Amino acid sequence: MTLLPTTPAEASFSAVLPDEQATRRLMVDVASALAPGDMITLSGDLGAGKTTFARAMIRHLAADHTLEVPSPTFTLMQTYELPRFPIVHADLYRISGGAELTELGFDDLPDRAVVLLEWPDRAEGVLPADRFDVTLMLAPKLKTEFRHARVTGYGRCAPRVERIASVRQFIAESGYSEAIRMRMPGDASTRSYDRLVIGDKRVILMNWPPRSDGPPVRGGRPYSAIAHLAENVAPFVAMATGLRESGLSAPEIYHADVRQGLLLLEDLGQEGVIAGDPSAPVIECYETAVDVLLHLHSQQLPDTLPVAPQVEHKIPRYDMDALMIEAELLVDWYLPRLGVTLASDHRTEFVSLWRAALAPVIEAPATWVLRDFHSPNLLWLPQRSATARLGVLDFQDTVMGPAAYDLASLLQDARIDVPEPIELALLGRYLRARHASDPDFDAGAFIKLYVTLAAQRNSKILGIFARLDLRDGKPQYLRHMPRIWSYLQRSLAHPSLAALNAWYSAHVPALKTI
């Protein structure tokens, strides 16, 4: 971490903390906003609880409330390797100035470490320009545990402090200000989720700050616009309403601030549709998931849904530009990660082959394509009946497109192995049901769409996971690549994709399959 002169840009809010639980809730609010490389300075009165605050934060981020966290008053600095990022807890009470920070090792901190720094006044003038400060002050005329707190964000941390304040206000307006807040595992997006618990009441907080489009990548448009990715919570609100009205188990929305990107959602629990070690599909759950798709695909579904009074969301069409920019992630990110430099004529051939393969996809009847209909986004609700037993999440990127896409997403799940016999059995379940309800249903044409979209999706995911590693420093997704490669080979083996299969064989190095 490079130490820089301080800057005046800041945002702050104050909080009254009547007891230890209120102090802990503030700590959780701040912890939820942290990112690798952040610094939090802890200021205020002697004995106001700075070390207690830091200790509670370390244990919270470690998800281990029994973790031994000694005060660094004498050791000056303690380091903890935690799941999200390393944490360095430092106490500068015994140093005389910022020049001693180098001697402490501040120029050689662990990569991506978050630093909790007590007594930052000892380092005045050399603190990072971008940082958080939490000031705790005693209130001697009130009860012993009472504190006044002020949270300040400097530089690039200022917007996140404003966000913390907005989230605290939203939670209070929802009636959950006294709730225990527990961070939930996240995905690769900018969204975060917390479970709020008061007694036997449990809800989910979705925190989705509105994001910018990002840099233009093609024709003056950013990737998110071309691929029709949601950039705020409005599509989620619209689709949650639409899915629930169709009889499916999307989470109910209890409280919403669409402008701020904050939702309080029904907690559908934690029981998934996979089990075992290694995880494998629970057949009853997967059969129900197929039935959910059959339920959707048997309806004439609208392409416009309400968000709020006089506010509507028009579901975009899964057009050729969107399908192609996704498929091209393979050549833009996956091949470079393998050290492959593709000649321009070979890329031109790739684009031409995919456009030809996707032409029937564009002409297929359109329905809701939830787009990430697979195990991480499906929950099992055994107390409900029929298709309502499947809880559905993560549908904000829904587009109007071919029915085969979500079936391919489910049966070639990027996160777990779906053995080919199970895939074929479930595909058969879908085809038989479609034919039973519509004698004119063309199973052969559907299978061609299915393998084409499975190959497109797996090409896209290989590119996305390579991008998450190379651009975003998230290598944990690489472990799924052999599985995705195996699925890709499974789909490309279909005779209708022979030309694409030949191109991949010639230009994409094989991965070891699992």
Protein backbone atom coordinates (compact mmCIF):
# COMPACT_ATOMS: atom_id res chain seq x y z
CA MET A 1 0.00 0.00 0.00
CA THR A 2 1.49 3.32 -1.10
CA LEU A 3 1.13 6.08 1.47
CA LEU A 4 0.07 9.41 0.01
CA PRO A 5 -0.77 12.86 1.35
CA THR A 6 -4.34 13.20 2.56
CA THR A 7 -7.00 14.92 0.46
CA PRO A 8 -9.98 16.94 1.60
CA ALA A 9 -12.64 15.11 -0.47
CA GLU A 10 -14.91 13.32 1.99
CA ALA A 11 -18.38 12.17 2.97
CA SER A 12 -19.51 11.28 6.47
CA PHE A 13 -22.43 10.43 8.71
CA SER A 14 -22.93 10.24 12.47
CA ALA A 15 -24.57 7.55 14.55
CA VAL A 16 -25.70 7.25 18.13
CA LEU A 17 -24.68 3.89 19.64
CA PRO A 18 -26.62 3.27 22.85
CA ASP A 19 -25.14 -0.17 23.52
CA GLU A 20 -22.66 -2.80 22.35
CA GLN A 21 -25.15 -4.33 19.91
CA ALA A 22 -25.57 -0.98 18.15
CA THR A 23 -21.80 -0.64 17.92
CA ARG A 24 -21.57 -4.13 16.45
CA ARG A 25 -24.26 -3.30 13.87
CA LEU A 26 -22.28 -0.26 12.77
CA MET A 27 -19.19 -2.45 12.46
CA VAL A 28 -21.08 -4.90 10.23
CA ASP A 29 -22.35 -2.02 8.08
CA VAL A 30 -18.80 -0.78 7.54
CA ALA A 31 -17.42 -4.29 6.99
CA SER A 32 -20.03 -4.92 4.29
CA ALA A 33 -18.62 -2.03 2.25
CA LEU A 34 -14.98 -3.12 2.34
CA ALA A 35 -12.94 -4.11 -0.68
CA PRO A 36 -9.40 -5.51 -0.96
CA GLY A 37 -6.76 -2.83 -0.36
CA ASP A 38 -8.91 -0.58 1.84
CA MET A 39 -7.70 1.15 4.97
CA ILE A 40 -9.88 1.93 7.98
CA THR A 41 -8.46 4.33 10.53
CA LEU A 42 -9.91 4.08 14.03
CA SER A 43 -9.92 7.38 15.90
CA GLY A 44 -11.42 8.82 19.07
CA ASP A 45 -11.22 8.77 22.83
CA LEU A 46 -8.92 6.52 24.80
CA GLY A 47 -11.06 3.65 26.05
CA ALA A 48 -13.86 4.28 23.54
CA GLY A 49 -13.54 0.79 22.07
CA LYS A 50 -11.35 1.11 18.98
CA THR A 51 -9.59 -2.21 19.60
CA THR A 52 -12.91 -3.85 20.46
CA PHE A 53 -14.36 -2.54 17.19
CA ALA A 54 -11.38 -3.86 15.21
CA ARG A 55 -11.45 -7.22 16.99
CA ALA A 56 -15.17 -7.64 16.27
CA MET A 57 -14.63 -6.76 12.61
CA ILE A 58 -11.82 -9.28 12.19
CA ARG A 59 -13.92 -12.04 13.77
CA HIS A 60 -16.93 -11.04 11.66
CA LEU A 61 -14.93 -11.14 8.42
CA ALA A 62 -13.38 -14.43 9.48
CA ALA A 63 -16.85 -15.83 10.26
CA ASP A 64 -15.29 -17.12 13.49
CA HIS A 65 -16.39 -15.44 16.69
CA THR A 66 -13.91 -17.51 18.72
CA LEU A 67 -10.87 -16.35 16.73
CA GLU A 68 -8.05 -15.15 18.98
CA VAL A 69 -7.44 -11.46 18.16
CA PRO A 70 -4.86 -9.98 20.53
CA SER A 71 -4.35 -6.24 20.81
CA PRO A 72 -1.42 -5.07 18.66
CA THR A 73 -0.43 -2.40 21.23
CA PHE A 74 2.93 -4.06 21.84
CA THR A 75 3.43 -6.07 18.65
CA LEU A 76 2.29 -2.99 16.68
CA MET A 77 0.96 -5.08 13.79
CA GLN A 78 -0.93 -8.39 13.43
CA THR A 79 -1.86 -10.06 10.12
CA TYR A 80 -4.82 -12.39 9.51
CA GLU A 81 -5.36 -14.43 6.35
CA LEU A 82 -9.13 -14.39 5.90
CA PRO A 83 -11.38 -15.76 3.12
CA ARG A 84 -12.21 -12.42 1.43
CA PHE A 85 -8.81 -10.75 1.88
CA PRO A 86 -5.94 -10.52 4.40
CA ILE A 87 -6.41 -8.09 7.29
CA VAL A 88 -3.62 -6.15 8.95
CA HIS A 89 -4.47 -4.77 12.41
CA ALA A 90 -2.01 -2.06 13.48
CA ASP A 91 -1.76 0.16 16.55
CA LEU A 92 0.38 3.29 16.23
CA TYR A 93 0.02 4.45 19.84
CA ARG A 94 3.68 3.73 20.58
CA ILE A 95 5.20 5.35 17.48
CA SER A 96 6.10 9.02 17.17
CA GLY A 97 5.41 9.78 13.51
CA GLY A 98 4.67 8.58 10.00
CA ALA A 99 8.35 8.03 9.19
CA GLU A 100 8.31 4.91 11.38
CA LEU A 101 5.62 3.25 9.24
CA THR A 102 8.20 1.99 6.77
CA GLU A 103 10.12 0.36 9.61
CA LEU A 104 6.90 -1.40 10.62
CA GLY A 105 6.62 -2.92 7.15
CA PHE A 106 3.83 -0.75 5.70
CA ASP A 107 5.63 -0.73 2.37
CA ASP A 108 5.44 -4.53 2.21
CA LEU A 109 1.90 -5.39 3.26
CA PRO A 110 0.18 -8.54 1.94
CA ASP A 111 -1.37 -8.17 -1.48
CA ARG A 112 -4.99 -6.94 -1.34
CA ALA A 113 -4.81 -6.50 2.46
CA VAL A 114 -7.37 -4.44 4.35
CA VAL A 115 -5.68 -2.38 7.09
CA LEU A 116 -7.31 -1.52 10.42
CA LEU A 117 -5.20 1.29 11.86
CA GLU A 118 -5.61 2.57 15.41
CA TRP A 119 -4.28 6.00 16.44
CA PRO A 120 -3.94 7.34 12.88
CA ASP A 121 -2.99 10.81 14.20
CA ARG A 122 0.52 9.35 14.65
CA ALA A 123 0.69 9.04 10.86
CA GLU A 124 -0.86 12.38 9.99
CA GLY A 125 0.09 13.57 6.51
CA VAL A 126 1.07 10.17 5.12
CA LEU A 127 -2.21 8.27 5.23
CA PRO A 128 -3.71 6.97 1.97
CA ALA A 129 -5.82 9.52 0.13
CA ASP A 130 -8.59 6.94 -0.15
CA ARG A 131 -9.63 5.56 3.22
CA PHE A 132 -12.36 5.14 5.81
CA ASP A 133 -12.25 6.63 9.29
CA VAL A 134 -14.40 5.49 12.21
CA THR A 135 -14.31 7.86 15.18
CA LEU A 136 -15.70 6.63 18.51
CA MET A 137 -16.34 9.11 21.31
CA LEU A 138 -17.33 8.49 24.94
CA ALA A 139 -20.47 10.03 26.43
CA PRO A 140 -19.54 10.31 30.14
CA LYS A 141 -22.85 11.93 31.11
CA LEU A 142 -24.77 8.94 29.74
CA LYS A 143 -24.45 5.23 30.43
CA THR A 144 -21.05 3.54 30.25
CA GLU A 145 -21.49 1.72 26.95
CA PHE A 146 -23.01 4.73 25.12
CA ARG A 147 -20.93 6.01 22.17
CA HIS A 148 -21.11 8.72 19.56
CA ALA A 149 -19.71 7.55 16.22
CA ARG A 150 -18.76 9.26 13.00
CA VAL A 151 -17.90 7.37 9.82
CA THR A 152 -15.99 9.31 7.16
CA GLY A 153 -14.89 8.32 3.69
CA TYR A 154 -12.00 10.13 2.06
CA GLY A 155 -11.30 10.24 -1.67
CA ARG A 156 -12.68 7.25 -3.53
CA CYS A 157 -14.10 5.81 -0.30
CA ALA A 158 -16.50 8.76 0.06
CA PRO A 159 -19.23 7.28 -2.21
CA ARG A 160 -19.11 4.03 -0.24
CA VAL A 161 -19.65 5.89 3.02
CA GLU A 162 -22.65 7.59 1.46
CA ARG A 163 -23.83 4.11 0.48
CA ILE A 164 -23.41 2.80 4.03
CA ALA A 165 -25.58 5.66 5.28
CA SER A 166 -28.24 4.97 2.63
CA VAL A 167 -28.34 1.26 3.48
CA ARG A 168 -28.65 2.00 7.21
CA GLN A 169 -31.54 4.35 6.53
CA PHE A 170 -33.25 1.84 4.23
CA ILE A 171 -32.94 -0.92 6.84
CA ALA A 172 -34.35 1.39 9.52
CA GLU A 173 -37.31 2.35 7.30
CA SER A 174 -37.96 -1.35 6.76
CA GLY A 175 -38.22 -1.96 10.50
CA TYR A 176 -35.04 -4.06 10.67
CA SER A 177 -32.62 -1.64 12.30
CA GLU A 178 -32.26 -4.03 15.27
CA ALA A 179 -31.62 -7.05 13.04
CA ILE A 180 -28.54 -9.22 13.05
CA ARG A 181 -26.95 -8.75 9.62
CA MET A 182 -25.08 -11.65 8.05
CA ARG A 183 -23.26 -11.43 4.74
CA MET A 184 -24.22 -14.08 2.20
CA PRO A 185 -21.93 -15.62 -0.41
CA GLY A 186 -21.91 -13.44 -3.50
CA ASP A 187 -21.53 -14.00 -7.22
CA ALA A 188 -19.25 -12.34 -9.74
CA SER A 189 -21.38 -9.19 -9.92
CA THR A 190 -21.46 -5.86 -8.07
CA ARG A 191 -24.52 -6.97 -6.08
CA SER A 192 -24.27 -8.03 -2.45
CA TYR A 193 -26.71 -9.85 -0.22
CA ASP A 194 -27.22 -9.95 3.54
CA ARG A 195 -29.60 -11.98 5.68
CA LEU A 196 -31.35 -9.84 8.31
CA VAL A 197 -32.70 -11.70 11.33
CA ILE A 198 -34.92 -10.49 14.16
CA GLY A 199 -36.25 -13.32 16.29
CA ASP A 200 -37.97 -15.74 13.92
CA LYS A 201 -38.22 -13.17 11.08
CA ARG A 202 -35.69 -13.47 8.26
CA VAL A 203 -35.38 -11.35 5.12
CA ILE A 204 -32.75 -10.75 2.46
CA LEU A 205 -31.23 -7.35 1.78
CA MET A 206 -30.18 -6.89 -1.85
CA ASN A 207 -27.69 -4.05 -2.21
CA TRP A 208 -27.16 -3.17 -5.86
CA PRO A 209 -25.63 0.27 -6.40
CA PRO A 210 -26.53 1.59 -9.86
CA ARG A 211 -23.52 1.05 -12.09
CA SER A 212 -22.21 2.92 -15.09
CA ASP A 213 -22.24 1.32 -18.51
CA GLY A 214 -18.47 0.96 -18.68
CA PRO A 215 -16.24 1.85 -21.62
CA PRO A 216 -17.49 1.47 -25.20
CA VAL A 217 -16.33 -1.77 -26.79
CA ARG A 218 -18.18 -1.88 -30.08
CA GLY A 219 -20.05 0.70 -32.11
CA GLY A 220 -19.76 3.21 -29.29
CA ARG A 221 -21.72 0.93 -26.92
CA PRO A 222 -20.47 -0.81 -23.77
CA TYR A 223 -20.56 -4.58 -23.34
CA SER A 224 -23.47 -4.42 -20.86
CA ALA A 225 -25.67 -2.55 -23.33
CA ILE A 226 -24.88 -4.90 -26.23
CA ALA A 227 -25.41 -8.03 -24.13
CA HIS A 228 -28.55 -6.56 -22.49
CA LEU A 229 -27.31 -6.86 -18.91
CA ALA A 230 -29.36 -5.17 -16.21
CA GLU A 231 -27.73 -2.07 -14.76
CA ASN A 232 -30.15 -1.44 -11.88
CA VAL A 233 -32.77 -3.25 -9.82
CA ALA A 234 -35.77 -2.28 -11.98
CA PRO A 235 -35.59 -5.41 -14.21
CA PHE A 236 -35.31 -7.60 -11.09
CA VAL A 237 -38.42 -6.00 -9.59
CA ALA A 238 -40.33 -6.43 -12.84
CA MET A 239 -39.32 -10.07 -13.33
CA ALA A 240 -39.95 -10.99 -9.67
CA THR A 241 -43.50 -9.71 -10.07
CA GLY A 242 -43.96 -11.48 -13.40
CA LEU A 243 -42.66 -14.83 -12.16
CA ARG A 244 -44.79 -14.72 -9.02
CA GLU A 245 -47.89 -13.84 -11.03
CA SER A 246 -47.19 -16.86 -13.25
CA GLY A 247 -47.32 -19.08 -10.15
CA LEU A 248 -43.59 -19.56 -9.59
CA SER A 249 -41.56 -19.00 -6.43
CA ALA A 250 -39.57 -15.85 -7.02
CA PRO A 251 -38.91 -13.91 -3.80
CA GLU A 252 -41.60 -11.48 -2.72
CA ILE A 253 -40.41 -7.88 -2.47
CA TYR A 254 -41.30 -6.40 0.93
CA HIS A 255 -39.67 -2.99 0.59
CA ALA A 256 -37.92 -1.29 -2.31
CA ASP A 257 -35.97 1.80 -3.17
CA VAL A 258 -35.49 1.32 -6.89
CA ARG A 259 -33.58 4.56 -7.36
CA GLN A 260 -31.03 3.60 -4.68
CA GLY A 261 -30.90 -0.04 -5.76
CA LEU A 262 -32.03 -1.47 -2.42
CA LEU A 263 -34.55 -4.27 -1.95
CA LEU A 264 -35.81 -6.21 1.05
CA LEU A 265 -36.74 -9.68 -0.19
CA GLU A 266 -38.45 -12.82 1.01
CA ASP A 267 -35.91 -15.29 2.37
CA LEU A 268 -36.44 -18.53 0.46
CA GLY A 269 -34.00 -20.42 2.66
CA GLN A 270 -30.78 -22.23 1.95
CA GLU A 271 -31.75 -25.68 0.69
CA GLY A 272 -30.35 -26.12 -2.78
CA VAL A 273 -31.00 -28.54 -5.63
CA ILE A 274 -27.67 -30.37 -5.35
CA ALA A 275 -26.26 -32.64 -2.67
CA GLY A 276 -23.30 -34.85 -1.84
CA ASP A 277 -19.54 -34.50 -2.00
CA PRO A 278 -18.77 -33.82 -4.77
CA SER A 279 -22.07 -32.09 -5.38
CA ALA A 280 -24.45 -33.75 -7.80
CA PRO A 281 -27.98 -33.01 -9.02
CA VAL A 282 -30.88 -34.10 -6.81
CA ILE A 283 -33.03 -35.71 -9.48
CA GLU A 284 -36.41 -34.70 -8.00
CA CYS A 285 -35.25 -31.09 -7.84
CA TYR A 286 -33.93 -31.12 -11.40
CA GLU A 287 -37.11 -32.73 -12.70
CA THR A 288 -39.06 -29.94 -11.01
CA ALA A 289 -36.73 -27.36 -12.57
CA VAL A 290 -37.50 -28.85 -16.00
CA ASP A 291 -41.21 -28.65 -15.15
CA VAL A 292 -40.78 -24.96 -14.21
CA LEU A 293 -39.41 -24.29 -17.69
CA LEU A 294 -42.24 -26.28 -19.24
CA HIS A 295 -44.70 -24.19 -17.21
CA LEU A 296 -43.16 -20.97 -18.53
CA HIS A 297 -42.79 -22.19 -22.10
CA SER A 298 -46.45 -23.22 -22.28
CA GLN A 299 -47.57 -19.59 -21.86
CA GLN A 300 -47.68 -16.50 -24.01
CA LEU A 301 -45.47 -14.28 -21.86
CA PRO A 302 -45.45 -10.48 -22.12
CA ASP A 303 -42.34 -8.52 -23.05
CA THR A 304 -43.31 -5.54 -20.86
CA LEU A 305 -43.82 -5.70 -17.09
CA PRO A 306 -44.59 -3.12 -14.40
CA VAL A 307 -41.89 -1.89 -12.01
CA ALA A 308 -43.82 0.78 -10.14
CA PRO A 309 -46.85 2.97 -10.86
CA GLN A 310 -46.35 4.46 -14.33
CA VAL A 311 -42.95 2.75 -14.62
CA GLU A 312 -42.49 -0.29 -16.89
CA HIS A 313 -39.63 -2.54 -17.94
CA LYS A 314 -39.45 -3.75 -21.53
CA ILE A 315 -37.62 -7.05 -21.72
CA PRO A 316 -34.95 -6.81 -24.44
CA ARG A 317 -34.70 -9.27 -27.30
CA TYR A 318 -31.81 -11.75 -27.29
CA ASP A 319 -30.60 -10.51 -30.64
CA MET A 320 -27.64 -11.48 -32.81
CA ASP A 321 -25.41 -8.72 -31.43
CA ALA A 322 -25.93 -9.96 -27.86
CA LEU A 323 -25.38 -13.62 -28.73
CA MET A 324 -22.28 -12.83 -30.76
CA ILE A 325 -20.54 -10.54 -28.28
CA GLU A 326 -21.00 -13.30 -25.70
CA ALA A 327 -19.59 -16.02 -27.96
CA GLU A 328 -16.65 -13.79 -28.85
CA LEU A 329 -15.59 -13.69 -25.21
CA LEU A 330 -13.90 -16.99 -26.04
CA VAL A 331 -11.53 -15.33 -28.52
CA ASP A 332 -11.26 -12.06 -26.58
CA TRP A 333 -10.34 -13.56 -23.18
CA TYR A 334 -10.13 -17.35 -23.10
CA LEU A 335 -7.71 -17.86 -25.97
CA PRO A 336 -5.37 -15.05 -24.80
CA ARG A 337 -5.30 -16.63 -21.35
CA LEU A 338 -4.05 -19.83 -23.02
CA GLY A 339 -1.41 -17.83 -24.87
CA VAL A 340 -3.15 -18.22 -28.24
CA THR A 341 -2.91 -15.34 -30.71
CA LEU A 342 -5.67 -15.71 -33.29
CA ALA A 343 -5.04 -14.55 -36.85
CA SER A 344 -7.57 -12.04 -38.15
CA ASP A 345 -8.85 -14.39 -40.86
CA HIS A 346 -9.41 -17.13 -38.28
CA ARG A 347 -11.42 -14.73 -36.13
CA THR A 348 -13.44 -13.70 -39.18
CA GLU A 349 -14.18 -17.36 -39.82
CA PHE A 350 -15.22 -17.83 -36.16
CA VAL A 351 -17.70 -14.95 -36.41
CA SER A 352 -19.07 -16.17 -39.73
CA LEU A 353 -19.60 -19.72 -38.47
CA TRP A 354 -21.33 -18.56 -35.33
CA ARG A 355 -23.61 -16.16 -37.19
CA ALA A 356 -24.70 -18.99 -39.45
CA ALA A 357 -25.26 -21.34 -36.50
CA LEU A 358 -27.26 -18.73 -34.59
CA ALA A 359 -29.55 -17.73 -37.46
CA PRO A 360 -32.19 -20.36 -36.52
CA VAL A 361 -31.93 -19.21 -32.91
CA ILE A 362 -32.95 -15.69 -33.87
CA GLU A 363 -35.95 -17.02 -35.82
CA ALA A 364 -37.19 -19.29 -33.00
CA PRO A 365 -40.33 -18.34 -31.03
CA ALA A 366 -39.43 -16.10 -28.10
CA THR A 367 -40.16 -16.63 -24.42
CA TRP A 368 -38.60 -15.44 -21.18
CA VAL A 369 -34.95 -16.52 -21.03
CA LEU A 370 -33.88 -16.14 -17.39
CA ARG A 371 -30.29 -16.66 -18.57
CA ASP A 372 -28.72 -18.08 -15.40
CA PHE A 373 -31.18 -20.85 -14.66
CA HIS A 374 -28.79 -23.25 -12.92
CA SER A 375 -27.99 -24.66 -9.49
CA PRO A 376 -26.52 -21.55 -7.77
CA ASN A 377 -29.77 -19.70 -8.43
CA LEU A 378 -32.27 -22.43 -7.54
CA LEU A 379 -33.59 -23.29 -4.08
CA TRP A 380 -35.69 -26.22 -2.92
CA LEU A 381 -38.92 -25.43 -1.03
CA PRO A 382 -40.32 -28.83 -0.04
CA GLN A 383 -43.19 -27.29 1.94
CA ARG A 384 -44.69 -25.95 -1.30
CA SER A 385 -46.29 -27.97 -4.07
CA ALA A 386 -45.72 -28.71 -7.76
CA THR A 387 -43.53 -26.18 -9.60
CA ALA A 388 -43.71 -23.76 -6.64
CA ARG A 389 -41.27 -26.08 -4.85
CA LEU A 390 -38.48 -24.49 -6.87
CA GLY A 391 -37.30 -21.08 -5.68
CA VAL A 392 -35.87 -18.98 -8.52
CA LEU A 393 -33.24 -16.27 -8.08
CA ASP A 394 -31.00 -14.06 -10.25
CA PHE A 395 -33.31 -13.30 -13.16
CA GLN A 396 -32.58 -9.59 -13.67
CA ASP A 397 -30.86 -10.22 -17.03
CA THR A 398 -33.94 -11.90 -18.54
CA VAL A 399 -34.32 -11.47 -22.30
CA MET A 400 -36.89 -12.57 -24.87
CA GLY A 401 -35.35 -15.51 -26.67
CA PRO A 402 -35.44 -19.24 -27.47
CA ALA A 403 -36.81 -21.70 -24.90
CA ALA A 404 -33.81 -24.01 -25.34
CA TYR A 405 -31.38 -21.58 -23.66
CA ASP A 406 -32.47 -22.03 -20.04
CA LEU A 407 -32.74 -25.78 -20.47
CA ALA A 408 -29.12 -25.84 -21.67
CA SER A 409 -28.12 -23.63 -18.72
CA LEU A 410 -29.72 -26.11 -16.31
CA LEU A 411 -28.54 -29.38 -17.89
CA GLN A 412 -24.97 -28.22 -18.59
CA ASP A 413 -24.48 -26.53 -15.24
CA ALA A 414 -21.17 -24.65 -15.12
CA ARG A 415 -20.77 -25.17 -11.35
CA ILE A 416 -21.45 -28.92 -10.98
CA ASP A 417 -21.15 -32.06 -13.07
CA VAL A 418 -24.35 -33.15 -14.79
CA PRO A 419 -23.51 -36.57 -16.22
CA GLU A 420 -24.57 -37.06 -19.82
CA PRO A 421 -27.13 -39.82 -19.01
CA ILE A 422 -28.89 -37.44 -16.58
CA GLU A 423 -28.77 -34.61 -19.11
CA LEU A 424 -30.33 -36.82 -21.78
CA ALA A 425 -33.00 -38.16 -19.41
CA LEU A 426 -34.06 -34.66 -18.37
CA LEU A 427 -33.92 -33.40 -21.95
CA GLY A 428 -36.18 -36.31 -22.87
CA ARG A 429 -38.58 -35.35 -20.07
CA TYR A 430 -38.84 -31.86 -21.55
CA LEU A 431 -39.28 -33.05 -25.15
CA ARG A 432 -42.00 -35.58 -24.25
CA ALA A 433 -43.97 -32.99 -22.31
CA ARG A 434 -43.72 -30.42 -25.09
CA HIS A 435 -44.88 -32.96 -27.67
CA ALA A 436 -47.75 -34.11 -25.43
CA SER A 437 -49.05 -30.55 -25.16
CA ASP A 438 -48.37 -29.70 -28.83
CA PRO A 439 -48.33 -32.51 -31.43
CA ASP A 440 -46.71 -30.11 -33.90
CA PHE A 441 -43.69 -29.57 -31.63
CA ASP A 442 -40.52 -30.36 -33.64
CA ALA A 443 -38.17 -32.17 -31.25
CA GLY A 444 -35.37 -32.42 -33.82
CA ALA A 445 -35.35 -28.68 -34.47
CA PHE A 446 -35.43 -28.01 -30.72
CA ILE A 447 -32.41 -30.27 -30.14
CA LYS A 448 -30.44 -28.34 -32.76
CA LEU A 449 -31.28 -25.10 -30.94
CA TYR A 450 -30.36 -26.75 -27.64
CA VAL A 451 -26.87 -27.86 -28.68
CA THR A 452 -26.20 -24.56 -30.45
CA LEU A 453 -27.12 -22.51 -27.39
CA ALA A 454 -25.25 -24.88 -25.07
CA ALA A 455 -22.12 -24.40 -27.18
CA GLN A 456 -22.62 -20.63 -27.28
CA ARG A 457 -23.18 -20.44 -23.52
CA ASN A 458 -20.16 -22.60 -22.69
CA SER A 459 -17.96 -20.53 -25.02
CA LYS A 460 -19.20 -17.41 -23.25
CA ILE A 461 -18.57 -18.83 -19.77
CA LEU A 462 -15.03 -19.89 -20.63
CA GLY A 463 -14.43 -16.29 -21.70
CA ILE A 464 -16.11 -14.81 -18.62
CA PHE A 465 -14.14 -16.98 -16.20
CA ALA A 466 -10.89 -16.11 -18.00
CA ARG A 467 -11.83 -12.42 -17.77
CA LEU A 468 -12.62 -12.74 -14.06
CA ASP A 469 -9.12 -14.11 -13.57
CA LEU A 470 -7.16 -11.79 -15.85
CA ARG A 471 -9.03 -8.52 -15.35
CA ASP A 472 -10.68 -8.84 -11.94
CA GLY A 473 -8.19 -10.95 -10.00
CA LYS A 474 -10.71 -13.73 -9.27
CA PRO A 475 -8.95 -17.00 -10.13
CA GLN A 476 -11.40 -19.13 -8.11
CA TYR A 477 -13.62 -19.58 -11.18
CA LEU A 478 -10.86 -21.31 -13.14
CA ARG A 479 -11.53 -24.62 -11.39
CA HIS A 480 -14.77 -24.92 -13.37
CA MET A 481 -13.11 -24.62 -16.78
CA PRO A 482 -12.43 -28.33 -17.40
CA ARG A 483 -16.11 -29.08 -16.76
CA ILE A 484 -17.25 -26.33 -19.11
CA TRP A 485 -14.82 -27.54 -21.76
CA SER A 486 -16.27 -31.04 -21.42
CA TYR A 487 -19.79 -29.68 -21.90
CA LEU A 488 -18.63 -27.70 -24.91
CA GLN A 489 -17.23 -30.83 -26.55
CA ARG A 490 -20.47 -32.66 -25.77
CA SER A 491 -22.51 -30.02 -27.63
CA LEU A 492 -20.12 -29.48 -30.54
CA ALA A 493 -20.25 -33.22 -31.27
CA HIS A 494 -23.77 -32.82 -32.69
CA PRO A 495 -23.71 -33.14 -36.50
CA SER A 496 -25.43 -29.77 -36.96
CA LEU A 497 -22.34 -28.07 -35.46
CA ALA A 498 -19.73 -29.94 -37.51
CA ALA A 499 -18.24 -26.78 -39.04
CA LEU A 500 -17.90 -25.05 -35.66
CA ASN A 501 -16.49 -28.24 -34.16
CA ALA A 502 -13.78 -28.30 -36.84
CA TRP A 503 -12.89 -24.65 -36.11
CA TYR A 504 -12.61 -25.30 -32.36
CA SER A 505 -10.51 -28.42 -32.96
CA ALA A 506 -8.12 -26.41 -35.11
CA HIS A 507 -7.78 -23.27 -32.99
CA VAL A 508 -8.70 -23.96 -29.34
CA PRO A 509 -6.25 -26.04 -27.27
CA ALA A 510 -7.96 -28.92 -25.47
CA LEU A 511 -8.34 -28.79 -21.70
CA LYS A 512 -8.17 -31.81 -19.44
CA THR A 513 -11.78 -32.81 -18.83
CA ILE A 514 -13.34 -34.00 -15.57
